[in-house]
Amino acid sequence: MCLGGCCALSILPTILYLATGVLQWSDGDGDVASAAILLLQAAAETRCVRVHEETARQHSQLLHSTTDKLLTLVKNDEPGQSISALLGARAMAALIPHAAPAPALHYPCINHFRQCLDEPSHETFAACCAVVRNIWSSSASPECVSWWARALAPRLIARAAAAKYPVDASHTKAAVAALTALTDLVDVAPDDTAREFSNHFNIENKEM
């Protein structure tokens, strides 16, 4: 998706509104929800709006507003007015790496991801690790990667270290998912952040 900056900005609110609406109406349909997330991602990744400082600022504001809407949806329990925790995390991950860092939004999102990673289900944890990898992708700013790494990496490290002697296949799957996400983090994080968590993991692993 790449239109003229002003033209793209004029239609992005509608695209973002439709995508969040489809997420609400998907009712657990994986294909429909995935299509909505791809639409969010396309709107977030459009480059034309970044040519000028003002259009880039407005684009970030649109992404912030949509992220705020997603936070509302994951907290709502009313039928038709809510989305699942993991679906909300997937949608947020499509937007966050492409928006200017905003602590007022990032920290509620971080808390949501923490809750997803704290789920006892190994399958849910592994699925959430795959989503986390999108947050610290190569397209995210170093500041964004550092925030999210410091908030979430300790949970991944602890889960990976605790699986040194896995009890079943799902336990192993969770550990592999955590290690894969951590490997991605080391590849894209600023040097000081990467060293910090590499050392942290080595310490955790030796203590097991």
N, C-alpha and C. Protein backbone atom coordinates (compact mmCIF):
# COMPACT_ATOMS: atom_id res chain seq x y z
N MET A 1 0.85 -1.18 0.00
CA MET A 1 0.00 0.00 0.00
C MET A 1 0.88 1.23 0.00
N CYS A 2 0.87 2.01 -1.07
CA CYS A 2 1.68 3.21 -1.12
C CYS A 2 1.01 4.23 -2.02
N LEU A 3 0.41 5.24 -1.39
CA LEU A 3 -0.24 6.31 -2.11
C LEU A 3 0.48 7.60 -1.76
N GLY A 4 0.11 8.71 -2.41
CA GLY A 4 0.66 9.99 -2.03
C GLY A 4 0.40 10.24 -0.56
N GLY A 5 1.36 10.94 0.12
CA GLY A 5 1.27 11.09 1.57
C GLY A 5 -0.07 11.61 2.05
N CYS A 6 -0.54 12.74 1.49
CA CYS A 6 -1.81 13.33 1.93
C CYS A 6 -2.98 12.43 1.56
N CYS A 7 -2.92 11.83 0.37
CA CYS A 7 -3.99 10.93 -0.06
C CYS A 7 -4.08 9.72 0.85
N ALA A 8 -2.92 9.15 1.19
CA ALA A 8 -2.89 7.99 2.08
C ALA A 8 -3.47 8.35 3.44
N LEU A 9 -3.10 9.51 3.97
CA LEU A 9 -3.61 9.93 5.27
C LEU A 9 -5.13 10.09 5.25
N SER A 10 -5.67 10.50 4.11
CA SER A 10 -7.10 10.74 4.04
C SER A 10 -7.91 9.46 4.11
N ILE A 11 -7.33 8.33 3.68
CA ILE A 11 -8.07 7.07 3.70
C ILE A 11 -7.65 6.14 4.83
N LEU A 12 -6.49 6.41 5.47
CA LEU A 12 -6.03 5.52 6.52
C LEU A 12 -6.99 5.41 7.71
N PRO A 13 -7.62 6.51 8.16
CA PRO A 13 -8.57 6.35 9.27
C PRO A 13 -9.66 5.34 8.96
N THR A 14 -10.16 5.36 7.72
CA THR A 14 -11.20 4.40 7.33
C THR A 14 -10.66 2.98 7.31
N ILE A 15 -9.46 2.81 6.78
CA ILE A 15 -8.85 1.48 6.71
C ILE A 15 -8.63 0.92 8.12
N LEU A 16 -8.09 1.74 9.00
CA LEU A 16 -7.84 1.30 10.37
C LEU A 16 -9.14 0.99 11.11
N TYR A 17 -10.15 1.81 10.88
CA TYR A 17 -11.46 1.58 11.51
C TYR A 17 -12.07 0.26 11.02
N LEU A 18 -12.01 0.03 9.71
CA LEU A 18 -12.56 -1.21 9.16
C LEU A 18 -11.81 -2.43 9.69
N ALA A 19 -10.47 -2.32 9.77
CA ALA A 19 -9.67 -3.46 10.24
C ALA A 19 -10.01 -3.81 11.69
N THR A 20 -10.13 -2.82 12.56
CA THR A 20 -10.47 -3.11 13.95
C THR A 20 -11.90 -3.64 14.05
N GLY A 21 -12.79 -3.13 13.19
CA GLY A 21 -14.15 -3.65 13.18
C GLY A 21 -14.20 -5.11 12.78
N VAL A 22 -13.42 -5.47 11.77
CA VAL A 22 -13.38 -6.87 11.33
C VAL A 22 -12.84 -7.77 12.44
N LEU A 23 -11.86 -7.28 13.19
CA LEU A 23 -11.34 -8.06 14.32
C LEU A 23 -12.45 -8.35 15.32
N GLN A 24 -13.28 -7.33 15.60
CA GLN A 24 -14.39 -7.53 16.53
C GLN A 24 -15.39 -8.54 15.99
N TRP A 25 -15.64 -8.48 14.71
CA TRP A 25 -16.69 -9.31 14.11
C TRP A 25 -16.18 -10.69 13.68
N SER A 26 -14.87 -10.91 13.77
CA SER A 26 -14.31 -12.18 13.28
C SER A 26 -14.79 -13.37 14.09
N ASP A 27 -15.15 -13.13 15.36
CA ASP A 27 -15.72 -14.20 16.19
C ASP A 27 -14.85 -15.45 16.21
N GLY A 28 -13.53 -15.24 16.31
CA GLY A 28 -12.62 -16.36 16.42
C GLY A 28 -12.24 -17.01 15.10
N ASP A 29 -12.75 -16.49 13.98
CA ASP A 29 -12.39 -17.05 12.67
C ASP A 29 -10.96 -16.65 12.34
N GLY A 30 -10.06 -17.62 12.31
CA GLY A 30 -8.64 -17.33 12.13
C GLY A 30 -8.31 -16.63 10.83
N ASP A 31 -8.93 -17.05 9.74
CA ASP A 31 -8.63 -16.45 8.43
C ASP A 31 -9.10 -14.99 8.37
N VAL A 32 -10.29 -14.74 8.89
CA VAL A 32 -10.83 -13.37 8.87
C VAL A 32 -9.98 -12.46 9.74
N ALA A 33 -9.63 -12.94 10.94
CA ALA A 33 -8.82 -12.14 11.85
C ALA A 33 -7.44 -11.87 11.26
N SER A 34 -6.85 -12.88 10.64
CA SER A 34 -5.53 -12.71 10.02
C SER A 34 -5.57 -11.68 8.90
N ALA A 35 -6.67 -11.68 8.14
CA ALA A 35 -6.81 -10.70 7.06
C ALA A 35 -6.88 -9.28 7.64
N ALA A 36 -7.59 -9.12 8.75
CA ALA A 36 -7.69 -7.81 9.39
C ALA A 36 -6.32 -7.35 9.91
N ILE A 37 -5.55 -8.27 10.44
CA ILE A 37 -4.23 -7.90 10.96
C ILE A 37 -3.29 -7.52 9.81
N LEU A 38 -3.41 -8.22 8.69
CA LEU A 38 -2.61 -7.85 7.51
C LEU A 38 -2.98 -6.45 7.02
N LEU A 39 -4.25 -6.10 7.13
CA LEU A 39 -4.68 -4.76 6.74
C LEU A 39 -4.10 -3.71 7.69
N LEU A 40 -4.11 -4.00 8.99
CA LEU A 40 -3.48 -3.10 9.96
C LEU A 40 -2.00 -2.93 9.65
N GLN A 41 -1.34 -4.04 9.36
CA GLN A 41 0.09 -4.00 9.08
C GLN A 41 0.39 -3.17 7.83
N ALA A 42 -0.43 -3.34 6.79
CA ALA A 42 -0.23 -2.56 5.57
C ALA A 42 -0.39 -1.08 5.83
N ALA A 43 -1.38 -0.72 6.64
CA ALA A 43 -1.59 0.69 6.98
C ALA A 43 -0.44 1.23 7.81
N ALA A 44 0.12 0.40 8.67
CA ALA A 44 1.23 0.85 9.52
C ALA A 44 2.53 0.99 8.73
N GLU A 45 2.71 0.13 7.73
CA GLU A 45 3.98 0.11 7.01
C GLU A 45 4.05 1.06 5.82
N THR A 46 2.93 1.69 5.45
CA THR A 46 2.96 2.57 4.28
C THR A 46 4.03 3.65 4.43
N ARG A 47 4.87 3.78 3.42
CA ARG A 47 6.03 4.66 3.51
C ARG A 47 5.77 6.07 3.02
N CYS A 48 4.75 6.24 2.21
CA CYS A 48 4.51 7.54 1.60
C CYS A 48 4.29 8.63 2.63
N VAL A 49 3.66 8.27 3.75
CA VAL A 49 3.33 9.29 4.75
C VAL A 49 4.56 9.74 5.53
N ARG A 50 5.69 9.04 5.36
CA ARG A 50 6.89 9.39 6.12
C ARG A 50 7.79 10.36 5.37
N VAL A 51 7.38 10.75 4.16
CA VAL A 51 8.19 11.65 3.36
C VAL A 51 8.29 13.02 4.03
N HIS A 52 7.19 13.48 4.61
CA HIS A 52 7.15 14.79 5.25
C HIS A 52 6.95 14.63 6.76
N GLU A 53 7.55 15.50 7.51
CA GLU A 53 7.49 15.41 8.98
C GLU A 53 6.05 15.48 9.49
N GLU A 54 5.24 16.35 8.91
CA GLU A 54 3.87 16.53 9.40
C GLU A 54 3.02 15.30 9.10
N THR A 55 3.13 14.74 7.90
CA THR A 55 2.34 13.55 7.59
C THR A 55 2.81 12.35 8.42
N ALA A 56 4.11 12.29 8.69
CA ALA A 56 4.62 11.21 9.54
C ALA A 56 4.05 11.33 10.95
N ARG A 57 3.96 12.56 11.45
CA ARG A 57 3.41 12.78 12.79
C ARG A 57 1.94 12.36 12.84
N GLN A 58 1.19 12.75 11.83
CA GLN A 58 -0.23 12.40 11.79
C GLN A 58 -0.43 10.88 11.66
N HIS A 59 0.46 10.25 10.90
CA HIS A 59 0.39 8.79 10.76
C HIS A 59 0.60 8.11 12.11
N SER A 60 1.60 8.59 12.86
CA SER A 60 1.83 8.03 14.19
C SER A 60 0.63 8.23 15.10
N GLN A 61 -0.01 9.38 15.01
CA GLN A 61 -1.18 9.63 15.83
C GLN A 61 -2.31 8.66 15.49
N LEU A 62 -2.47 8.36 14.21
CA LEU A 62 -3.49 7.39 13.81
C LEU A 62 -3.19 6.01 14.37
N LEU A 63 -1.92 5.61 14.31
CA LEU A 63 -1.53 4.30 14.85
C LEU A 63 -1.72 4.26 16.37
N HIS A 64 -1.41 5.38 17.04
CA HIS A 64 -1.61 5.44 18.49
C HIS A 64 -3.09 5.31 18.83
N SER A 65 -3.93 6.01 18.08
CA SER A 65 -5.37 5.96 18.33
C SER A 65 -5.91 4.54 18.13
N THR A 66 -5.43 3.86 17.10
CA THR A 66 -5.88 2.49 16.84
C THR A 66 -5.39 1.54 17.92
N THR A 67 -4.16 1.73 18.38
CA THR A 67 -3.63 0.90 19.46
C THR A 67 -4.45 1.09 20.73
N ASP A 68 -4.83 2.33 21.01
CA ASP A 68 -5.67 2.61 22.18
C ASP A 68 -7.01 1.89 22.06
N LYS A 69 -7.56 1.87 20.85
CA LYS A 69 -8.82 1.15 20.62
C LYS A 69 -8.65 -0.35 20.87
N LEU A 70 -7.52 -0.90 20.45
CA LEU A 70 -7.26 -2.32 20.68
C LEU A 70 -7.16 -2.63 22.17
N LEU A 71 -6.53 -1.73 22.93
CA LEU A 71 -6.44 -1.92 24.38
C LEU A 71 -7.83 -1.95 25.00
N THR A 72 -8.72 -1.10 24.50
CA THR A 72 -10.10 -1.09 25.00
C THR A 72 -10.81 -2.40 24.68
N LEU A 73 -10.58 -2.91 23.48
CA LEU A 73 -11.25 -4.14 23.06
C LEU A 73 -10.81 -5.35 23.88
N VAL A 74 -9.51 -5.44 24.21
CA VAL A 74 -9.05 -6.62 24.96
C VAL A 74 -9.52 -6.59 26.42
N LYS A 75 -9.90 -5.39 26.90
CA LYS A 75 -10.37 -5.28 28.28
C LYS A 75 -11.88 -5.42 28.40
N ASN A 76 -12.57 -5.38 27.26
CA ASN A 76 -14.03 -5.41 27.26
C ASN A 76 -14.52 -6.85 27.21
N ASP A 77 -15.50 -7.17 28.03
CA ASP A 77 -16.04 -8.54 28.07
C ASP A 77 -17.37 -8.67 27.33
N GLU A 78 -17.89 -7.56 26.79
CA GLU A 78 -19.20 -7.62 26.13
C GLU A 78 -19.08 -8.29 24.76
N PRO A 79 -19.99 -9.20 24.44
CA PRO A 79 -19.97 -9.85 23.12
C PRO A 79 -20.06 -8.82 21.99
N GLY A 80 -19.21 -9.01 20.98
CA GLY A 80 -19.20 -8.09 19.86
C GLY A 80 -18.43 -6.81 20.10
N GLN A 81 -17.99 -6.61 21.34
CA GLN A 81 -17.24 -5.40 21.69
C GLN A 81 -15.88 -5.74 22.26
N SER A 82 -15.41 -6.96 21.98
CA SER A 82 -14.14 -7.40 22.57
C SER A 82 -13.41 -8.32 21.59
N ILE A 83 -12.13 -8.51 21.85
CA ILE A 83 -11.33 -9.49 21.11
C ILE A 83 -10.48 -10.24 22.12
N SER A 84 -10.00 -11.41 21.75
CA SER A 84 -9.22 -12.22 22.68
C SER A 84 -7.87 -11.57 22.97
N ALA A 85 -7.27 -11.97 24.07
CA ALA A 85 -5.99 -11.39 24.49
C ALA A 85 -4.91 -11.60 23.44
N LEU A 86 -4.82 -12.82 22.90
CA LEU A 86 -3.76 -13.11 21.93
C LEU A 86 -4.02 -12.39 20.60
N LEU A 87 -5.27 -12.33 20.19
CA LEU A 87 -5.60 -11.61 18.96
C LEU A 87 -5.27 -10.12 19.12
N GLY A 88 -5.57 -9.57 20.29
CA GLY A 88 -5.23 -8.18 20.55
C GLY A 88 -3.73 -7.95 20.50
N ALA A 89 -2.97 -8.89 21.06
CA ALA A 89 -1.50 -8.77 21.03
C ALA A 89 -0.98 -8.81 19.60
N ARG A 90 -1.55 -9.68 18.77
CA ARG A 90 -1.13 -9.76 17.37
C ARG A 90 -1.40 -8.45 16.64
N ALA A 91 -2.57 -7.87 16.89
CA ALA A 91 -2.93 -6.61 16.24
C ALA A 91 -2.02 -5.47 16.71
N MET A 92 -1.74 -5.42 18.01
CA MET A 92 -0.84 -4.39 18.53
C MET A 92 0.55 -4.51 17.92
N ALA A 93 1.02 -5.74 17.76
CA ALA A 93 2.36 -5.97 17.22
C ALA A 93 2.46 -5.52 15.77
N ALA A 94 1.34 -5.46 15.07
CA ALA A 94 1.36 -4.99 13.68
C ALA A 94 1.55 -3.47 13.61
N LEU A 95 1.22 -2.78 14.69
CA LEU A 95 1.26 -1.32 14.69
C LEU A 95 2.45 -0.73 15.43
N ILE A 96 2.78 -1.28 16.58
CA ILE A 96 3.74 -0.66 17.50
C ILE A 96 5.11 -0.39 16.88
N PRO A 97 5.70 -1.32 16.11
CA PRO A 97 7.04 -1.03 15.57
C PRO A 97 7.09 0.14 14.60
N HIS A 98 5.93 0.57 14.10
CA HIS A 98 5.90 1.59 13.05
C HIS A 98 5.43 2.96 13.54
N ALA A 99 5.09 3.05 14.82
CA ALA A 99 4.62 4.31 15.39
C ALA A 99 5.71 4.92 16.27
N ALA A 100 5.69 6.23 16.38
CA ALA A 100 6.64 6.90 17.28
C ALA A 100 6.41 6.41 18.71
N PRO A 101 7.48 6.14 19.46
CA PRO A 101 7.31 5.66 20.84
C PRO A 101 6.45 6.61 21.67
N ALA A 102 5.49 6.04 22.39
CA ALA A 102 4.59 6.82 23.24
C ALA A 102 4.41 6.06 24.55
N PRO A 103 5.10 6.48 25.61
CA PRO A 103 5.04 5.73 26.87
C PRO A 103 3.62 5.50 27.38
N ALA A 104 2.74 6.48 27.21
CA ALA A 104 1.37 6.34 27.72
C ALA A 104 0.63 5.17 27.08
N LEU A 105 1.03 4.79 25.86
CA LEU A 105 0.42 3.64 25.19
C LEU A 105 1.27 2.39 25.31
N HIS A 106 2.59 2.55 25.21
CA HIS A 106 3.46 1.39 25.23
C HIS A 106 3.36 0.62 26.54
N TYR A 107 3.28 1.31 27.65
CA TYR A 107 3.28 0.60 28.92
C TYR A 107 2.01 -0.22 29.16
N PRO A 108 0.81 0.29 28.82
CA PRO A 108 -0.37 -0.59 28.88
C PRO A 108 -0.26 -1.79 27.93
N CYS A 109 0.33 -1.57 26.75
CA CYS A 109 0.53 -2.68 25.82
C CYS A 109 1.51 -3.70 26.40
N ILE A 110 2.59 -3.20 26.99
CA ILE A 110 3.57 -4.08 27.62
C ILE A 110 2.92 -4.92 28.70
N ASN A 111 2.08 -4.30 29.52
CA ASN A 111 1.39 -5.04 30.59
C ASN A 111 0.49 -6.12 29.99
N HIS A 112 -0.13 -5.81 28.87
CA HIS A 112 -0.99 -6.81 28.22
C HIS A 112 -0.15 -8.00 27.75
N PHE A 113 1.00 -7.73 27.15
CA PHE A 113 1.87 -8.81 26.70
C PHE A 113 2.40 -9.62 27.88
N ARG A 114 2.69 -8.95 28.98
CA ARG A 114 3.15 -9.67 30.17
C ARG A 114 2.09 -10.67 30.62
N GLN A 115 0.85 -10.24 30.63
CA GLN A 115 -0.24 -11.14 31.03
C GLN A 115 -0.34 -12.33 30.09
N CYS A 116 -0.15 -12.10 28.79
CA CYS A 116 -0.19 -13.21 27.83
C CYS A 116 0.96 -14.19 28.08
N LEU A 117 2.15 -13.65 28.35
CA LEU A 117 3.32 -14.51 28.58
C LEU A 117 3.25 -15.24 29.92
N ASP A 118 2.45 -14.73 30.85
CA ASP A 118 2.32 -15.36 32.16
C ASP A 118 1.28 -16.48 32.17
N GLU A 119 0.61 -16.69 31.03
CA GLU A 119 -0.36 -17.78 30.95
C GLU A 119 0.36 -19.11 31.20
N PRO A 120 -0.23 -19.97 32.03
CA PRO A 120 0.44 -21.26 32.30
C PRO A 120 0.50 -22.20 31.10
N SER A 121 -0.40 -22.01 30.15
CA SER A 121 -0.42 -22.88 28.96
C SER A 121 0.84 -22.67 28.12
N HIS A 122 1.57 -23.75 27.87
CA HIS A 122 2.78 -23.66 27.04
C HIS A 122 2.43 -23.28 25.60
N GLU A 123 1.29 -23.75 25.11
CA GLU A 123 0.87 -23.43 23.75
C GLU A 123 0.60 -21.93 23.60
N THR A 124 -0.08 -21.36 24.59
CA THR A 124 -0.36 -19.92 24.56
C THR A 124 0.92 -19.12 24.65
N PHE A 125 1.84 -19.55 25.52
CA PHE A 125 3.12 -18.87 25.65
C PHE A 125 3.89 -18.89 24.33
N ALA A 126 3.93 -20.06 23.68
CA ALA A 126 4.66 -20.17 22.41
C ALA A 126 4.05 -19.27 21.35
N ALA A 127 2.72 -19.21 21.31
CA ALA A 127 2.05 -18.34 20.34
C ALA A 127 2.36 -16.88 20.62
N CYS A 128 2.43 -16.52 21.89
CA CYS A 128 2.73 -15.13 22.25
C CYS A 128 4.18 -14.79 21.92
N CYS A 129 5.09 -15.74 22.04
CA CYS A 129 6.49 -15.51 21.67
C CYS A 129 6.60 -15.14 20.19
N ALA A 130 5.81 -15.81 19.36
CA ALA A 130 5.82 -15.51 17.93
C ALA A 130 5.37 -14.08 17.68
N VAL A 131 4.42 -13.60 18.48
CA VAL A 131 3.94 -12.23 18.35
C VAL A 131 5.00 -11.24 18.83
N VAL A 132 5.66 -11.58 19.94
CA VAL A 132 6.70 -10.71 20.50
C VAL A 132 7.81 -10.46 19.48
N ARG A 133 8.10 -11.47 18.68
CA ARG A 133 9.16 -11.32 17.67
C ARG A 133 8.85 -10.19 16.70
N ASN A 134 7.57 -9.92 16.45
CA ASN A 134 7.20 -8.83 15.57
C ASN A 134 7.49 -7.47 16.20
N ILE A 135 7.42 -7.41 17.53
CA ILE A 135 7.66 -6.14 18.23
C ILE A 135 9.10 -5.70 18.05
N TRP A 136 10.04 -6.63 18.27
CA TRP A 136 11.44 -6.23 18.11
C TRP A 136 11.98 -6.70 16.76
N SER A 137 11.19 -6.36 15.72
CA SER A 137 11.61 -6.62 14.35
C SER A 137 12.60 -5.55 13.91
N SER A 138 13.20 -5.75 12.75
CA SER A 138 14.19 -4.80 12.25
C SER A 138 13.58 -3.44 11.92
N SER A 139 12.26 -3.38 11.78
CA SER A 139 11.61 -2.11 11.45
C SER A 139 11.34 -1.24 12.67
N ALA A 140 11.48 -1.81 13.86
CA ALA A 140 11.24 -1.05 15.09
C ALA A 140 12.44 -0.18 15.41
N SER A 141 12.18 0.96 16.06
CA SER A 141 13.27 1.87 16.44
C SER A 141 14.06 1.25 17.59
N PRO A 142 15.34 1.62 17.75
CA PRO A 142 16.13 1.10 18.87
C PRO A 142 15.48 1.39 20.22
N GLU A 143 14.86 2.57 20.36
CA GLU A 143 14.20 2.92 21.61
C GLU A 143 13.04 1.97 21.90
N CYS A 144 12.26 1.67 20.88
CA CYS A 144 11.14 0.74 21.03
C CYS A 144 11.64 -0.65 21.40
N VAL A 145 12.67 -1.12 20.71
CA VAL A 145 13.22 -2.44 21.00
C VAL A 145 13.72 -2.51 22.45
N SER A 146 14.41 -1.47 22.91
CA SER A 146 14.94 -1.47 24.27
C SER A 146 13.83 -1.51 25.30
N TRP A 147 12.79 -0.70 25.10
CA TRP A 147 11.66 -0.70 26.04
C TRP A 147 11.07 -2.09 26.17
N TRP A 148 10.76 -2.68 25.03
CA TRP A 148 10.08 -3.97 25.05
C TRP A 148 10.99 -5.09 25.50
N ALA A 149 12.26 -4.99 25.17
CA ALA A 149 13.21 -6.02 25.60
C ALA A 149 13.33 -6.03 27.12
N ARG A 150 13.50 -4.86 27.70
CA ARG A 150 13.66 -4.79 29.16
C ARG A 150 12.39 -5.24 29.89
N ALA A 151 11.25 -5.07 29.26
CA ALA A 151 9.98 -5.44 29.89
C ALA A 151 9.65 -6.92 29.76
N LEU A 152 10.00 -7.52 28.60
CA LEU A 152 9.53 -8.87 28.31
C LEU A 152 10.61 -9.95 28.30
N ALA A 153 11.84 -9.57 27.95
CA ALA A 153 12.89 -10.59 27.81
C ALA A 153 13.11 -11.41 29.09
N PRO A 154 13.06 -10.81 30.29
CA PRO A 154 13.25 -11.65 31.49
C PRO A 154 12.26 -12.80 31.59
N ARG A 155 11.03 -12.59 31.15
CA ARG A 155 10.04 -13.67 31.17
C ARG A 155 10.42 -14.77 30.19
N LEU A 156 10.93 -14.39 29.03
CA LEU A 156 11.34 -15.39 28.04
C LEU A 156 12.55 -16.17 28.55
N ILE A 157 13.49 -15.45 29.15
CA ILE A 157 14.68 -16.10 29.68
C ILE A 157 14.32 -17.10 30.77
N ALA A 158 13.44 -16.69 31.67
CA ALA A 158 13.04 -17.58 32.77
C ALA A 158 12.34 -18.82 32.25
N ARG A 159 11.47 -18.66 31.25
CA ARG A 159 10.73 -19.81 30.72
C ARG A 159 11.68 -20.75 29.98
N ALA A 160 12.63 -20.19 29.24
CA ALA A 160 13.58 -21.02 28.51
C ALA A 160 14.47 -21.79 29.48
N ALA A 161 14.96 -21.10 30.53
CA ALA A 161 15.84 -21.75 31.49
C ALA A 161 15.11 -22.83 32.28
N ALA A 162 13.84 -22.57 32.58
CA ALA A 162 13.05 -23.55 33.35
C ALA A 162 12.77 -24.82 32.55
N ALA A 163 12.93 -24.75 31.24
CA ALA A 163 12.65 -25.91 30.39
C ALA A 163 13.91 -26.71 30.09
N LYS A 164 14.93 -26.56 30.90
CA LYS A 164 16.16 -27.34 30.69
C LYS A 164 15.84 -28.83 30.72
N TYR A 165 14.88 -29.21 31.56
CA TYR A 165 14.43 -30.60 31.62
C TYR A 165 12.91 -30.61 31.34
N PRO A 166 12.51 -30.50 30.08
CA PRO A 166 11.08 -30.38 29.74
C PRO A 166 10.30 -31.63 30.12
N VAL A 167 9.04 -31.41 30.48
CA VAL A 167 8.21 -32.53 30.92
C VAL A 167 7.39 -33.12 29.77
N ASP A 168 7.19 -32.35 28.69
CA ASP A 168 6.44 -32.88 27.56
C ASP A 168 6.77 -32.04 26.32
N ALA A 169 6.15 -32.40 25.20
CA ALA A 169 6.44 -31.74 23.93
C ALA A 169 6.04 -30.26 23.94
N SER A 170 4.91 -29.94 24.61
CA SER A 170 4.47 -28.55 24.63
C SER A 170 5.44 -27.68 25.45
N HIS A 171 6.03 -28.27 26.49
CA HIS A 171 7.04 -27.58 27.29
C HIS A 171 8.27 -27.26 26.44
N THR A 172 8.68 -28.23 25.65
CA THR A 172 9.81 -28.04 24.74
C THR A 172 9.49 -26.97 23.70
N LYS A 173 8.27 -27.00 23.17
CA LYS A 173 7.85 -26.01 22.17
C LYS A 173 7.92 -24.60 22.74
N ALA A 174 7.50 -24.44 23.99
CA ALA A 174 7.54 -23.12 24.63
C ALA A 174 8.98 -22.64 24.79
N ALA A 175 9.87 -23.55 25.17
CA ALA A 175 11.27 -23.18 25.35
C ALA A 175 11.91 -22.77 24.02
N VAL A 176 11.63 -23.53 22.97
CA VAL A 176 12.17 -23.21 21.65
C VAL A 176 11.64 -21.85 21.18
N ALA A 177 10.36 -21.60 21.42
CA ALA A 177 9.77 -20.32 21.02
C ALA A 177 10.44 -19.17 21.75
N ALA A 178 10.72 -19.35 23.05
CA ALA A 178 11.39 -18.30 23.83
C ALA A 178 12.80 -18.07 23.32
N LEU A 179 13.54 -19.13 23.04
CA LEU A 179 14.91 -19.00 22.55
C LEU A 179 14.95 -18.33 21.18
N THR A 180 13.99 -18.65 20.32
CA THR A 180 13.93 -18.04 18.99
C THR A 180 13.68 -16.54 19.11
N ALA A 181 12.76 -16.16 19.99
CA ALA A 181 12.47 -14.74 20.19
C ALA A 181 13.69 -14.01 20.76
N LEU A 182 14.39 -14.65 21.69
CA LEU A 182 15.58 -14.03 22.28
C LEU A 182 16.70 -13.89 21.25
N THR A 183 16.83 -14.87 20.37
CA THR A 183 17.83 -14.80 19.30
C THR A 183 17.54 -13.61 18.38
N ASP A 184 16.27 -13.44 18.05
CA ASP A 184 15.88 -12.28 17.23
C ASP A 184 16.22 -10.98 17.94
N LEU A 185 15.99 -10.95 19.25
CA LEU A 185 16.26 -9.74 20.02
C LEU A 185 17.74 -9.38 19.97
N VAL A 186 18.60 -10.35 20.17
CA VAL A 186 20.05 -10.10 20.15
C VAL A 186 20.48 -9.56 18.80
N ASP A 187 19.82 -10.00 17.73
CA ASP A 187 20.18 -9.56 16.38
C ASP A 187 19.82 -8.10 16.12
N VAL A 188 18.73 -7.60 16.73
CA VAL A 188 18.26 -6.25 16.39
C VAL A 188 18.43 -5.22 17.50
N ALA A 189 18.68 -5.67 18.73
CA ALA A 189 18.74 -4.74 19.86
C ALA A 189 20.01 -3.90 19.81
N PRO A 190 19.95 -2.69 20.40
CA PRO A 190 21.18 -1.92 20.59
C PRO A 190 22.19 -2.76 21.36
N ASP A 191 23.47 -2.51 21.13
CA ASP A 191 24.52 -3.37 21.68
C ASP A 191 24.41 -3.53 23.19
N ASP A 192 24.14 -2.45 23.92
CA ASP A 192 24.11 -2.56 25.38
C ASP A 192 22.95 -3.43 25.85
N THR A 193 21.80 -3.31 25.18
CA THR A 193 20.65 -4.14 25.53
C THR A 193 20.91 -5.60 25.19
N ALA A 194 21.49 -5.86 24.04
CA ALA A 194 21.78 -7.24 23.63
C ALA A 194 22.75 -7.90 24.61
N ARG A 195 23.79 -7.17 25.00
CA ARG A 195 24.76 -7.74 25.95
C ARG A 195 24.11 -8.02 27.30
N GLU A 196 23.26 -7.11 27.73
CA GLU A 196 22.60 -7.27 29.03
C GLU A 196 21.82 -8.56 29.10
N PHE A 197 21.04 -8.86 28.05
CA PHE A 197 20.19 -10.04 28.11
C PHE A 197 20.93 -11.31 27.74
N SER A 198 22.01 -11.20 26.97
CA SER A 198 22.85 -12.37 26.73
C SER A 198 23.49 -12.81 28.04
N ASN A 199 23.98 -11.84 28.81
CA ASN A 199 24.59 -12.16 30.11
C ASN A 199 23.56 -12.70 31.08
N HIS A 200 22.37 -12.11 31.07
CA HIS A 200 21.29 -12.55 31.96
C HIS A 200 20.92 -13.99 31.67
N PHE A 201 20.81 -14.34 30.40
CA PHE A 201 20.45 -15.71 30.05
C PHE A 201 21.54 -16.69 30.45
N ASN A 202 22.80 -16.31 30.27
CA ASN A 202 23.89 -17.20 30.66
C ASN A 202 23.87 -17.47 32.16
N ILE A 203 23.56 -16.43 32.95
CA ILE A 203 23.49 -16.60 34.39
C ILE A 203 22.34 -17.51 34.77
N GLU A 204 21.17 -17.27 34.18
CA GLU A 204 19.98 -18.11 34.46
C GLU A 204 20.27 -19.56 34.11
N ASN A 205 20.91 -19.78 32.98
CA ASN A 205 21.16 -21.14 32.51
C ASN A 205 22.14 -21.88 33.43
N LYS A 206 23.13 -21.16 33.95
CA LYS A 206 24.11 -21.80 34.84
C LYS A 206 23.50 -22.17 36.18
N GLU A 207 22.45 -21.40 36.59
CA GLU A 207 21.84 -21.64 37.89
C GLU A 207 20.91 -22.82 37.87
N MET A 208 20.49 -23.25 36.67
CA MET A 208 19.53 -24.36 36.58
C MET A 208 20.24 -25.70 36.84
